[in-house]
Amino acid sequence: MKKTALVPYAHLPRSHHDRHVLTSTVDVFGTAHWLLPDRAPQPGGDAFPFDALVVSVHPGGDVELTELSAVRARWPHLDRLPDGGFVVAASRVRRYEDADQVQVFDALGRETSSFSVGDAVEHLLVDEAGHIWVGHFDENPAGIRRWSPTGHLYWTSDGARIPGLFDCYALNVSGTTASACPYTDFPLVEIRPGRPECGAGAGIH
């Protein structure tokens, strides 16, 4: 069997190693991003909301820094919008908190909108058109949904012929197409906006 050696895709610059890494991602355009507060937020403490630095390393190696103000998310997901802004979302919804779960920031790090997508967020990804794809784990039956950056629900897996969708185990985007692998049957599902017909086995179009 041929072995393929794994190599790092991107490195967090050493000048930021003193900060705490809350989460990281690679966006649909191939840029890597890290969300870095000054220190790790303490559950039950007074560290929320907090300011955070997003360090972005582009495919050519250029580094870009964006300061986000008043981030509220515990256990956050992060991705970048095509206009240079960012989306930060909390994995869980806390019943005793009134604040919206998803925050949208502009390219200068200022919050421009917020909304909720429901509890139990397993994956959050932004496609090339700026649509926000959310996959939920099994504590939320919503499955997979596609949102606008202002909180408009464009598409939901409710009624789609996706076999055994109880948990979105894996989710990825390429262009404006999302690919998912749901539990329990583990099919490879392809979701293409504007193609409402569902295919059997390998995908939904």
N, C-alpha and C. Protein backbone atom coordinates (compact mmCIF):
# COMPACT_ATOMS: atom_id res chain seq x y z
N MET A 1 0.83 -1.19 0.00
CA MET A 1 0.00 0.00 0.00
C MET A 1 0.88 1.25 0.00
N LYS A 2 0.57 2.17 -0.88
CA LYS A 2 1.32 3.41 -0.95
C LYS A 2 0.94 4.32 0.21
N LYS A 3 1.96 4.86 0.89
CA LYS A 3 1.72 5.76 1.99
C LYS A 3 1.88 7.21 1.52
N THR A 4 0.96 8.04 1.96
CA THR A 4 1.02 9.47 1.63
C THR A 4 1.32 10.25 2.90
N ALA A 5 2.42 10.96 2.89
CA ALA A 5 2.81 11.74 4.07
C ALA A 5 1.98 13.01 4.15
N LEU A 6 1.50 13.31 5.35
CA LEU A 6 0.75 14.54 5.56
C LEU A 6 1.72 15.69 5.79
N VAL A 7 1.39 16.85 5.22
CA VAL A 7 2.21 18.04 5.42
C VAL A 7 1.30 19.16 5.91
N PRO A 8 1.83 20.08 6.73
CA PRO A 8 1.00 21.19 7.23
C PRO A 8 0.49 22.05 6.08
N TYR A 9 -0.76 22.47 6.20
CA TYR A 9 -1.34 23.35 5.18
C TYR A 9 -0.92 24.80 5.42
N ALA A 10 -0.93 25.20 6.68
CA ALA A 10 -0.55 26.57 7.04
C ALA A 10 -0.07 26.58 8.49
N HIS A 11 0.73 27.58 8.83
CA HIS A 11 1.25 27.71 10.19
C HIS A 11 0.77 29.03 10.79
N LEU A 12 0.36 28.99 12.06
CA LEU A 12 0.11 30.22 12.79
C LEU A 12 1.45 30.92 13.02
N PRO A 13 1.57 32.18 12.60
CA PRO A 13 2.85 32.88 12.78
C PRO A 13 3.31 32.87 14.23
N ARG A 14 4.61 32.71 14.45
CA ARG A 14 5.16 32.60 15.79
C ARG A 14 4.87 33.82 16.65
N SER A 15 4.72 34.97 16.03
CA SER A 15 4.48 36.19 16.80
C SER A 15 3.14 36.17 17.54
N HIS A 16 2.28 35.17 17.22
CA HIS A 16 0.97 35.08 17.88
C HIS A 16 0.85 33.82 18.74
N HIS A 17 1.96 33.13 18.99
CA HIS A 17 1.91 31.90 19.77
C HIS A 17 1.59 32.13 21.24
N ASP A 18 1.66 33.39 21.70
CA ASP A 18 1.36 33.66 23.10
C ASP A 18 -0.14 33.77 23.35
N ARG A 19 -0.96 33.77 22.31
CA ARG A 19 -2.40 33.86 22.46
C ARG A 19 -3.03 32.47 22.48
N HIS A 20 -4.24 32.41 23.01
CA HIS A 20 -4.98 31.16 23.08
C HIS A 20 -5.73 30.93 21.77
N VAL A 21 -5.65 29.72 21.21
CA VAL A 21 -6.38 29.39 19.98
C VAL A 21 -7.75 28.83 20.36
N LEU A 22 -8.81 29.59 20.02
CA LEU A 22 -10.17 29.11 20.28
C LEU A 22 -10.65 28.18 19.18
N THR A 23 -10.38 28.54 17.94
CA THR A 23 -10.79 27.70 16.81
C THR A 23 -10.00 28.13 15.59
N SER A 24 -10.01 27.31 14.57
CA SER A 24 -9.35 27.64 13.31
C SER A 24 -10.12 27.01 12.16
N THR A 25 -9.88 27.51 10.95
CA THR A 25 -10.58 26.99 9.79
C THR A 25 -9.81 27.36 8.53
N VAL A 26 -10.16 26.72 7.43
CA VAL A 26 -9.69 27.10 6.10
C VAL A 26 -10.92 27.44 5.28
N ASP A 27 -10.98 28.66 4.74
CA ASP A 27 -12.19 29.07 4.05
C ASP A 27 -12.25 28.51 2.64
N VAL A 28 -13.35 28.79 1.94
CA VAL A 28 -13.59 28.21 0.62
C VAL A 28 -12.58 28.70 -0.42
N PHE A 29 -11.89 29.80 -0.13
CA PHE A 29 -10.88 30.34 -1.04
C PHE A 29 -9.47 29.87 -0.69
N GLY A 30 -9.33 29.05 0.36
CA GLY A 30 -8.04 28.46 0.70
C GLY A 30 -7.23 29.22 1.72
N THR A 31 -7.79 30.25 2.34
CA THR A 31 -7.09 31.00 3.37
C THR A 31 -7.35 30.40 4.74
N ALA A 32 -6.30 30.26 5.55
CA ALA A 32 -6.43 29.71 6.90
C ALA A 32 -6.65 30.85 7.89
N HIS A 33 -7.52 30.60 8.89
CA HIS A 33 -7.85 31.61 9.89
C HIS A 33 -7.79 31.00 11.29
N TRP A 34 -7.27 31.77 12.25
CA TRP A 34 -7.27 31.39 13.66
C TRP A 34 -7.98 32.48 14.46
N LEU A 35 -8.82 32.08 15.42
CA LEU A 35 -9.50 33.02 16.30
C LEU A 35 -8.78 33.00 17.65
N LEU A 36 -8.19 34.15 18.04
CA LEU A 36 -7.28 34.20 19.18
C LEU A 36 -7.68 35.29 20.17
N PRO A 37 -8.24 34.93 21.33
CA PRO A 37 -8.36 35.90 22.40
C PRO A 37 -7.02 36.02 23.12
N ASP A 38 -6.91 37.02 24.02
CA ASP A 38 -5.67 37.16 24.79
C ASP A 38 -5.42 35.96 25.68
N ARG A 39 -6.51 35.41 26.23
CA ARG A 39 -6.40 34.25 27.11
C ARG A 39 -7.64 33.40 26.95
N ALA A 40 -7.58 32.19 27.45
CA ALA A 40 -8.70 31.27 27.33
C ALA A 40 -9.87 31.77 28.17
N PRO A 41 -11.07 31.95 27.58
CA PRO A 41 -12.24 32.33 28.38
C PRO A 41 -12.57 31.24 29.40
N GLN A 42 -12.90 31.65 30.61
CA GLN A 42 -13.21 30.71 31.67
C GLN A 42 -14.71 30.52 31.80
N PRO A 43 -15.22 29.28 31.69
CA PRO A 43 -16.66 29.04 31.85
C PRO A 43 -17.15 29.56 33.19
N GLY A 44 -18.25 30.30 33.15
CA GLY A 44 -18.81 30.84 34.37
C GLY A 44 -18.13 32.10 34.86
N GLY A 45 -17.08 32.53 34.12
CA GLY A 45 -16.36 33.73 34.53
C GLY A 45 -16.95 34.96 33.89
N ASP A 46 -16.20 36.06 33.98
CA ASP A 46 -16.67 37.33 33.45
C ASP A 46 -15.97 37.69 32.14
N ALA A 47 -15.47 36.68 31.42
CA ALA A 47 -14.68 36.95 30.22
C ALA A 47 -15.53 37.10 28.96
N PHE A 48 -16.84 37.04 29.08
CA PHE A 48 -17.72 37.16 27.92
C PHE A 48 -18.53 38.45 28.01
N PRO A 49 -18.69 39.21 26.92
CA PRO A 49 -18.03 39.01 25.63
C PRO A 49 -16.55 39.39 25.71
N PHE A 50 -15.79 39.05 24.68
CA PHE A 50 -14.37 39.31 24.68
C PHE A 50 -13.93 39.78 23.29
N ASP A 51 -12.85 40.51 23.23
CA ASP A 51 -12.26 40.89 21.95
C ASP A 51 -11.31 39.78 21.51
N ALA A 52 -11.19 39.61 20.22
CA ALA A 52 -10.35 38.53 19.70
C ALA A 52 -9.67 38.98 18.41
N LEU A 53 -8.54 38.41 18.15
CA LEU A 53 -7.78 38.68 16.93
C LEU A 53 -7.97 37.50 15.98
N VAL A 54 -8.30 37.79 14.72
CA VAL A 54 -8.30 36.76 13.68
C VAL A 54 -7.02 36.92 12.88
N VAL A 55 -6.20 35.87 12.88
CA VAL A 55 -4.98 35.84 12.07
C VAL A 55 -5.27 35.01 10.83
N SER A 56 -5.11 35.62 9.67
CA SER A 56 -5.39 34.96 8.40
C SER A 56 -4.09 34.79 7.62
N VAL A 57 -3.86 33.57 7.13
CA VAL A 57 -2.68 33.28 6.31
C VAL A 57 -3.18 32.85 4.93
N HIS A 58 -2.92 33.68 3.94
CA HIS A 58 -3.38 33.43 2.58
C HIS A 58 -2.52 32.35 1.91
N PRO A 59 -3.02 31.74 0.83
CA PRO A 59 -2.25 30.66 0.18
C PRO A 59 -0.84 31.06 -0.23
N GLY A 60 -0.62 32.32 -0.56
CA GLY A 60 0.73 32.76 -0.92
C GLY A 60 1.61 33.07 0.26
N GLY A 61 1.04 33.00 1.49
CA GLY A 61 1.83 33.22 2.70
C GLY A 61 1.63 34.58 3.33
N ASP A 62 0.91 35.50 2.68
CA ASP A 62 0.65 36.82 3.27
C ASP A 62 -0.21 36.68 4.51
N VAL A 63 0.09 37.48 5.52
CA VAL A 63 -0.63 37.44 6.80
C VAL A 63 -1.50 38.68 6.93
N GLU A 64 -2.74 38.49 7.38
CA GLU A 64 -3.69 39.57 7.58
C GLU A 64 -4.27 39.46 8.99
N LEU A 65 -4.44 40.60 9.66
CA LEU A 65 -4.95 40.63 11.03
C LEU A 65 -6.26 41.41 11.08
N THR A 66 -7.25 40.86 11.80
CA THR A 66 -8.53 41.53 11.98
C THR A 66 -8.94 41.41 13.43
N GLU A 67 -9.19 42.55 14.08
CA GLU A 67 -9.64 42.56 15.47
C GLU A 67 -11.17 42.51 15.49
N LEU A 68 -11.73 41.53 16.19
CA LEU A 68 -13.17 41.43 16.36
C LEU A 68 -13.55 41.93 17.75
N SER A 69 -14.58 42.76 17.82
CA SER A 69 -14.99 43.34 19.09
C SER A 69 -16.20 42.61 19.67
N ALA A 70 -16.14 42.34 20.97
CA ALA A 70 -17.28 41.81 21.73
C ALA A 70 -17.81 40.49 21.17
N VAL A 71 -16.92 39.50 21.05
CA VAL A 71 -17.33 38.16 20.63
C VAL A 71 -18.04 37.48 21.79
N ARG A 72 -19.20 36.87 21.51
CA ARG A 72 -20.00 36.27 22.58
C ARG A 72 -19.91 34.75 22.61
N ALA A 73 -19.41 34.11 21.58
CA ALA A 73 -19.55 32.67 21.42
C ALA A 73 -18.65 31.87 22.36
N ARG A 74 -19.24 30.94 23.06
CA ARG A 74 -18.50 29.89 23.75
C ARG A 74 -18.38 28.72 22.77
N TRP A 75 -17.25 28.03 22.73
CA TRP A 75 -17.02 26.93 21.79
C TRP A 75 -17.42 27.37 20.38
N PRO A 76 -16.68 28.36 19.83
CA PRO A 76 -17.12 29.00 18.58
C PRO A 76 -16.74 28.24 17.32
N HIS A 77 -17.51 28.55 16.27
CA HIS A 77 -17.16 28.22 14.89
C HIS A 77 -16.85 29.53 14.19
N LEU A 78 -15.94 29.49 13.22
CA LEU A 78 -15.48 30.69 12.53
C LEU A 78 -15.37 30.41 11.04
N ASP A 79 -15.79 31.37 10.22
CA ASP A 79 -15.47 31.33 8.80
C ASP A 79 -15.52 32.75 8.24
N ARG A 80 -14.96 32.90 7.04
CA ARG A 80 -14.87 34.23 6.44
C ARG A 80 -15.89 34.40 5.33
N LEU A 81 -16.42 35.61 5.22
CA LEU A 81 -17.33 35.98 4.14
C LEU A 81 -16.53 36.49 2.95
N PRO A 82 -17.09 36.40 1.74
CA PRO A 82 -16.36 36.86 0.55
C PRO A 82 -15.99 38.34 0.59
N ASP A 83 -16.74 39.18 1.35
CA ASP A 83 -16.43 40.60 1.42
C ASP A 83 -15.34 40.93 2.44
N GLY A 84 -14.75 39.92 3.06
CA GLY A 84 -13.69 40.14 4.02
C GLY A 84 -14.14 40.13 5.46
N GLY A 85 -15.45 40.06 5.69
CA GLY A 85 -15.96 39.97 7.05
C GLY A 85 -15.88 38.55 7.58
N PHE A 86 -16.35 38.36 8.81
CA PHE A 86 -16.29 37.06 9.44
C PHE A 86 -17.63 36.69 10.08
N VAL A 87 -17.87 35.39 10.19
CA VAL A 87 -19.02 34.85 10.91
C VAL A 87 -18.48 34.06 12.09
N VAL A 88 -19.00 34.34 13.28
CA VAL A 88 -18.65 33.58 14.48
C VAL A 88 -19.95 33.08 15.09
N ALA A 89 -20.01 31.79 15.40
CA ALA A 89 -21.23 31.20 15.94
C ALA A 89 -20.92 30.30 17.12
N ALA A 90 -21.78 30.34 18.11
CA ALA A 90 -21.66 29.44 19.26
C ALA A 90 -22.24 28.08 18.92
N SER A 91 -21.59 27.02 19.40
CA SER A 91 -22.09 25.67 19.15
C SER A 91 -23.42 25.41 19.85
N ARG A 92 -23.55 25.93 21.06
CA ARG A 92 -24.73 25.66 21.87
C ARG A 92 -25.49 26.95 22.16
N VAL A 93 -26.79 26.81 22.34
CA VAL A 93 -27.65 27.91 22.74
C VAL A 93 -27.91 27.79 24.23
N ARG A 94 -27.62 28.85 24.96
CA ARG A 94 -27.88 28.86 26.40
C ARG A 94 -29.25 29.46 26.66
N ARG A 95 -30.09 28.73 27.35
CA ARG A 95 -31.48 29.15 27.55
C ARG A 95 -31.58 30.47 28.31
N TYR A 96 -30.64 30.74 29.19
CA TYR A 96 -30.73 31.93 30.02
C TYR A 96 -30.06 33.15 29.40
N GLU A 97 -29.58 33.04 28.15
CA GLU A 97 -28.96 34.17 27.47
C GLU A 97 -29.86 34.65 26.33
N ASP A 98 -30.07 35.94 26.24
CA ASP A 98 -30.95 36.50 25.22
C ASP A 98 -30.22 36.82 23.92
N ALA A 99 -28.90 36.90 23.96
CA ALA A 99 -28.14 37.33 22.78
C ALA A 99 -28.22 36.30 21.66
N ASP A 100 -28.24 36.80 20.43
CA ASP A 100 -28.25 35.91 19.27
C ASP A 100 -26.96 35.10 19.23
N GLN A 101 -27.08 33.92 18.66
CA GLN A 101 -26.00 32.94 18.68
C GLN A 101 -24.94 33.19 17.60
N VAL A 102 -25.34 33.75 16.46
CA VAL A 102 -24.44 33.99 15.34
C VAL A 102 -24.15 35.49 15.25
N GLN A 103 -22.87 35.83 15.14
CA GLN A 103 -22.47 37.22 14.94
C GLN A 103 -21.78 37.35 13.60
N VAL A 104 -22.15 38.39 12.85
CA VAL A 104 -21.52 38.70 11.57
C VAL A 104 -20.75 40.00 11.73
N PHE A 105 -19.47 39.96 11.37
CA PHE A 105 -18.59 41.12 11.50
C PHE A 105 -18.16 41.60 10.12
N ASP A 106 -17.98 42.91 9.96
CA ASP A 106 -17.47 43.41 8.69
C ASP A 106 -15.95 43.28 8.65
N ALA A 107 -15.34 43.75 7.57
CA ALA A 107 -13.90 43.59 7.39
C ALA A 107 -13.08 44.37 8.41
N LEU A 108 -13.73 45.33 9.10
CA LEU A 108 -13.04 46.10 10.14
C LEU A 108 -13.27 45.52 11.53
N GLY A 109 -13.99 44.39 11.61
CA GLY A 109 -14.19 43.72 12.90
C GLY A 109 -15.37 44.23 13.69
N ARG A 110 -16.27 44.99 13.04
CA ARG A 110 -17.45 45.52 13.72
C ARG A 110 -18.66 44.63 13.45
N GLU A 111 -19.44 44.35 14.49
CA GLU A 111 -20.63 43.52 14.31
C GLU A 111 -21.67 44.27 13.47
N THR A 112 -22.16 43.60 12.43
CA THR A 112 -23.15 44.21 11.54
C THR A 112 -24.52 43.55 11.63
N SER A 113 -24.58 42.30 12.04
CA SER A 113 -25.86 41.62 12.22
C SER A 113 -25.66 40.44 13.15
N SER A 114 -26.77 39.94 13.69
CA SER A 114 -26.73 38.75 14.52
C SER A 114 -28.07 38.05 14.42
N PHE A 115 -28.05 36.73 14.60
CA PHE A 115 -29.27 35.93 14.51
C PHE A 115 -28.98 34.57 15.12
N SER A 116 -30.00 33.74 15.22
CA SER A 116 -29.84 32.40 15.77
C SER A 116 -30.16 31.35 14.71
N VAL A 117 -29.44 30.25 14.75
CA VAL A 117 -29.66 29.16 13.80
C VAL A 117 -30.10 27.87 14.49
N GLY A 118 -30.21 27.89 15.82
CA GLY A 118 -30.61 26.70 16.55
C GLY A 118 -29.45 26.04 17.26
N ASP A 119 -29.76 25.26 18.25
CA ASP A 119 -28.76 24.63 19.10
C ASP A 119 -28.01 23.53 18.35
N ALA A 120 -26.92 23.07 18.95
CA ALA A 120 -26.18 21.88 18.51
C ALA A 120 -25.56 22.06 17.13
N VAL A 121 -24.79 23.13 16.96
CA VAL A 121 -24.09 23.38 15.70
C VAL A 121 -22.81 22.57 15.66
N GLU A 122 -22.73 21.68 14.71
CA GLU A 122 -21.53 20.84 14.53
C GLU A 122 -20.57 21.46 13.52
N HIS A 123 -21.12 22.07 12.46
CA HIS A 123 -20.30 22.65 11.39
C HIS A 123 -20.91 23.98 10.95
N LEU A 124 -20.06 24.94 10.61
CA LEU A 124 -20.49 26.20 10.01
C LEU A 124 -19.48 26.58 8.95
N LEU A 125 -19.95 26.74 7.71
CA LEU A 125 -19.07 27.05 6.59
C LEU A 125 -19.74 28.08 5.69
N VAL A 126 -18.93 28.92 5.06
CA VAL A 126 -19.42 29.94 4.15
C VAL A 126 -18.98 29.58 2.73
N ASP A 127 -19.93 29.61 1.77
CA ASP A 127 -19.57 29.28 0.40
C ASP A 127 -19.15 30.54 -0.37
N GLU A 128 -18.82 30.39 -1.66
CA GLU A 128 -18.31 31.51 -2.45
C GLU A 128 -19.33 32.62 -2.64
N ALA A 129 -20.61 32.30 -2.53
CA ALA A 129 -21.67 33.30 -2.68
C ALA A 129 -21.98 34.01 -1.36
N GLY A 130 -21.33 33.61 -0.28
CA GLY A 130 -21.58 34.21 1.01
C GLY A 130 -22.70 33.56 1.79
N HIS A 131 -23.22 32.43 1.31
CA HIS A 131 -24.24 31.70 2.05
C HIS A 131 -23.58 30.93 3.20
N ILE A 132 -24.28 30.85 4.32
CA ILE A 132 -23.76 30.20 5.52
C ILE A 132 -24.42 28.84 5.66
N TRP A 133 -23.64 27.78 5.56
CA TRP A 133 -24.13 26.41 5.71
C TRP A 133 -23.91 25.95 7.14
N VAL A 134 -24.95 25.41 7.76
CA VAL A 134 -24.87 24.94 9.14
C VAL A 134 -25.31 23.48 9.20
N GLY A 135 -24.47 22.65 9.80
CA GLY A 135 -24.82 21.25 10.04
C GLY A 135 -24.93 21.01 11.53
N HIS A 136 -26.00 20.33 11.95
CA HIS A 136 -26.27 20.13 13.37
C HIS A 136 -25.96 18.69 13.79
N PHE A 137 -25.60 18.54 15.06
CA PHE A 137 -25.48 17.17 15.57
C PHE A 137 -26.81 16.73 16.16
N ASP A 138 -26.85 15.52 16.73
CA ASP A 138 -28.12 14.82 16.94
C ASP A 138 -29.02 15.43 18.00
N GLU A 139 -28.57 16.44 18.73
CA GLU A 139 -29.45 17.08 19.70
C GLU A 139 -30.36 18.13 19.06
N ASN A 140 -30.21 18.32 17.76
CA ASN A 140 -31.09 19.23 17.02
C ASN A 140 -31.49 18.53 15.73
N PRO A 141 -32.79 18.27 15.50
CA PRO A 141 -33.22 17.55 14.30
C PRO A 141 -33.21 18.38 13.04
N ALA A 142 -32.69 19.62 13.09
CA ALA A 142 -32.72 20.50 11.91
C ALA A 142 -31.86 19.97 10.77
N GLY A 143 -30.87 19.14 11.05
CA GLY A 143 -30.05 18.55 9.99
C GLY A 143 -29.09 19.54 9.39
N ILE A 144 -29.34 19.96 8.14
CA ILE A 144 -28.47 20.87 7.40
C ILE A 144 -29.33 22.03 6.91
N ARG A 145 -28.81 23.25 7.06
CA ARG A 145 -29.56 24.41 6.58
C ARG A 145 -28.60 25.44 5.99
N ARG A 146 -29.14 26.28 5.10
CA ARG A 146 -28.34 27.33 4.44
C ARG A 146 -28.98 28.69 4.74
N TRP A 147 -28.15 29.62 5.23
CA TRP A 147 -28.64 30.92 5.70
C TRP A 147 -27.95 32.05 4.92
N SER A 148 -28.58 33.22 4.93
CA SER A 148 -27.93 34.44 4.46
C SER A 148 -27.17 35.07 5.62
N PRO A 149 -26.23 36.00 5.35
CA PRO A 149 -25.50 36.66 6.43
C PRO A 149 -26.38 37.57 7.30
N THR A 150 -27.64 37.75 6.91
CA THR A 150 -28.55 38.54 7.73
C THR A 150 -29.58 37.68 8.44
N GLY A 151 -29.44 36.35 8.34
CA GLY A 151 -30.32 35.46 9.08
C GLY A 151 -31.53 34.96 8.33
N HIS A 152 -31.56 35.12 7.00
CA HIS A 152 -32.67 34.58 6.21
C HIS A 152 -32.39 33.11 5.89
N LEU A 153 -33.35 32.25 6.16
CA LEU A 153 -33.19 30.81 5.90
C LEU A 153 -33.52 30.53 4.44
N TYR A 154 -32.49 30.14 3.66
CA TYR A 154 -32.66 29.87 2.23
C TYR A 154 -33.07 28.43 1.93
N TRP A 155 -32.52 27.48 2.69
CA TRP A 155 -32.74 26.07 2.36
C TRP A 155 -32.64 25.24 3.64
N THR A 156 -33.44 24.19 3.70
CA THR A 156 -33.38 23.27 4.83
C THR A 156 -33.49 21.84 4.32
N SER A 157 -32.88 20.93 5.04
CA SER A 157 -32.93 19.52 4.64
C SER A 157 -34.26 18.86 4.99
N ASP A 158 -35.15 19.57 5.68
CA ASP A 158 -36.48 19.03 5.96
C ASP A 158 -37.18 18.70 4.64
N GLY A 159 -37.61 17.48 4.50
CA GLY A 159 -38.30 17.07 3.28
C GLY A 159 -37.38 16.62 2.16
N ALA A 160 -36.09 16.89 2.27
CA ALA A 160 -35.15 16.41 1.25
C ALA A 160 -34.92 14.92 1.43
N ARG A 161 -34.66 14.27 0.34
CA ARG A 161 -34.49 12.80 0.40
C ARG A 161 -33.03 12.45 0.76
N ILE A 162 -32.67 12.76 1.99
CA ILE A 162 -31.35 12.42 2.49
C ILE A 162 -31.53 11.26 3.47
N PRO A 163 -31.05 10.08 3.14
CA PRO A 163 -31.30 8.92 4.00
C PRO A 163 -30.59 9.01 5.34
N GLY A 164 -31.34 8.75 6.40
CA GLY A 164 -30.77 8.62 7.74
C GLY A 164 -30.10 9.86 8.28
N LEU A 165 -30.66 11.05 8.03
CA LEU A 165 -30.03 12.27 8.51
C LEU A 165 -30.45 12.56 9.95
N PHE A 166 -29.68 12.00 10.89
CA PHE A 166 -29.89 12.27 12.30
C PHE A 166 -28.76 13.10 12.90
N ASP A 167 -27.64 13.17 12.18
CA ASP A 167 -26.47 13.89 12.67
C ASP A 167 -25.60 14.20 11.45
N CYS A 168 -25.22 15.47 11.30
CA CYS A 168 -24.35 15.85 10.19
C CYS A 168 -22.90 15.61 10.61
N TYR A 169 -22.38 14.42 10.28
CA TYR A 169 -21.03 14.04 10.71
C TYR A 169 -19.95 14.89 10.05
N ALA A 170 -20.12 15.20 8.77
CA ALA A 170 -19.11 15.96 8.03
C ALA A 170 -19.81 16.90 7.07
N LEU A 171 -19.21 18.08 6.86
CA LEU A 171 -19.76 19.08 5.96
C LEU A 171 -18.61 19.85 5.35
N ASN A 172 -18.68 20.11 4.04
CA ASN A 172 -17.67 20.91 3.36
C ASN A 172 -18.34 21.68 2.24
N VAL A 173 -17.70 22.75 1.78
CA VAL A 173 -18.24 23.51 0.66
C VAL A 173 -17.17 23.69 -0.40
N SER A 174 -17.62 23.74 -1.66
CA SER A 174 -16.77 24.03 -2.80
C SER A 174 -17.59 24.85 -3.77
N GLY A 175 -17.16 26.07 -4.05
CA GLY A 175 -17.99 26.96 -4.85
C GLY A 175 -19.24 27.29 -4.07
N THR A 176 -20.39 26.97 -4.64
CA THR A 176 -21.66 27.15 -3.93
C THR A 176 -22.31 25.81 -3.60
N THR A 177 -21.55 24.73 -3.75
CA THR A 177 -22.05 23.38 -3.48
C THR A 177 -21.56 22.90 -2.12
N ALA A 178 -22.47 22.30 -1.37
CA ALA A 178 -22.10 21.70 -0.08
C ALA A 178 -22.08 20.18 -0.20
N SER A 179 -21.14 19.55 0.47
CA SER A 179 -21.07 18.10 0.54
C SER A 179 -21.16 17.69 2.01
N ALA A 180 -21.95 16.66 2.27
CA ALA A 180 -22.16 16.23 3.66
C ALA A 180 -22.13 14.72 3.75
N CYS A 181 -21.84 14.23 4.96
CA CYS A 181 -21.89 12.81 5.26
C CYS A 181 -22.72 12.65 6.53
N PRO A 182 -23.99 12.29 6.41
CA PRO A 182 -24.86 12.21 7.58
C PRO A 182 -24.92 10.82 8.20
N TYR A 183 -25.13 10.81 9.50
CA TYR A 183 -25.43 9.60 10.26
C TYR A 183 -26.95 9.39 10.17
N THR A 184 -27.48 8.19 9.88
CA THR A 184 -26.88 6.92 10.23
C THR A 184 -26.38 6.10 9.03
N ASP A 185 -26.81 6.47 7.83
CA ASP A 185 -26.47 5.64 6.67
C ASP A 185 -25.15 6.02 6.01
N PHE A 186 -24.61 7.20 6.35
CA PHE A 186 -23.33 7.69 5.85
C PHE A 186 -23.24 7.77 4.32
N PRO A 187 -24.28 8.25 3.62
CA PRO A 187 -24.11 8.49 2.19
C PRO A 187 -23.29 9.76 1.98
N LEU A 188 -22.68 9.90 0.81
CA LEU A 188 -22.06 11.16 0.43
C LEU A 188 -23.13 11.99 -0.27
N VAL A 189 -23.49 13.11 0.34
CA VAL A 189 -24.60 13.93 -0.13
C VAL A 189 -24.06 15.22 -0.72
N GLU A 190 -24.52 15.57 -1.92
CA GLU A 190 -24.12 16.81 -2.57
C GLU A 190 -25.35 17.69 -2.72
N ILE A 191 -25.25 18.93 -2.22
CA ILE A 191 -26.38 19.85 -2.23
C ILE A 191 -26.00 21.05 -3.09
N ARG A 192 -26.73 21.23 -4.18
CA ARG A 192 -26.44 22.32 -5.10
C ARG A 192 -27.62 23.27 -5.14
N PRO A 193 -27.46 24.53 -4.74
CA PRO A 193 -28.56 25.48 -4.77
C PRO A 193 -29.13 25.63 -6.18
N GLY A 194 -30.45 25.70 -6.27
CA GLY A 194 -31.10 25.84 -7.56
C GLY A 194 -31.38 24.54 -8.27
N ARG A 195 -30.99 23.41 -7.66
CA ARG A 195 -31.25 22.08 -8.23
C ARG A 195 -32.07 21.30 -7.23
N PRO A 196 -33.41 21.47 -7.20
CA PRO A 196 -34.22 20.90 -6.13
C PRO A 196 -34.41 19.40 -6.20
N GLU A 197 -34.16 18.78 -7.34
CA GLU A 197 -34.38 17.34 -7.44
C GLU A 197 -33.29 16.59 -6.69
N CYS A 198 -33.69 15.49 -6.05
CA CYS A 198 -32.77 14.72 -5.22
C CYS A 198 -32.32 13.48 -5.94
N GLY A 199 -31.04 13.22 -5.94
CA GLY A 199 -30.55 12.00 -6.54
C GLY A 199 -30.47 10.90 -5.52
N ALA A 200 -30.36 9.67 -5.97
CA ALA A 200 -30.29 8.52 -5.07
C ALA A 200 -28.83 8.20 -4.77
N GLY A 201 -28.59 7.65 -3.61
CA GLY A 201 -27.28 7.13 -3.27
C GLY A 201 -26.26 8.22 -3.00
N ALA A 202 -25.58 8.70 -4.06
CA ALA A 202 -24.44 9.58 -3.85
C ALA A 202 -24.80 11.01 -3.57
N GLY A 203 -25.98 11.46 -3.90
CA GLY A 203 -26.15 12.88 -3.68
C GLY A 203 -27.55 13.42 -3.86
N ILE A 204 -27.67 14.67 -3.48
CA ILE A 204 -28.89 15.44 -3.69
C ILE A 204 -28.50 16.65 -4.53
N HIS A 205 -29.25 16.95 -5.56
CA HIS A 205 -28.86 18.04 -6.48
C HIS A 205 -29.93 19.12 -6.51
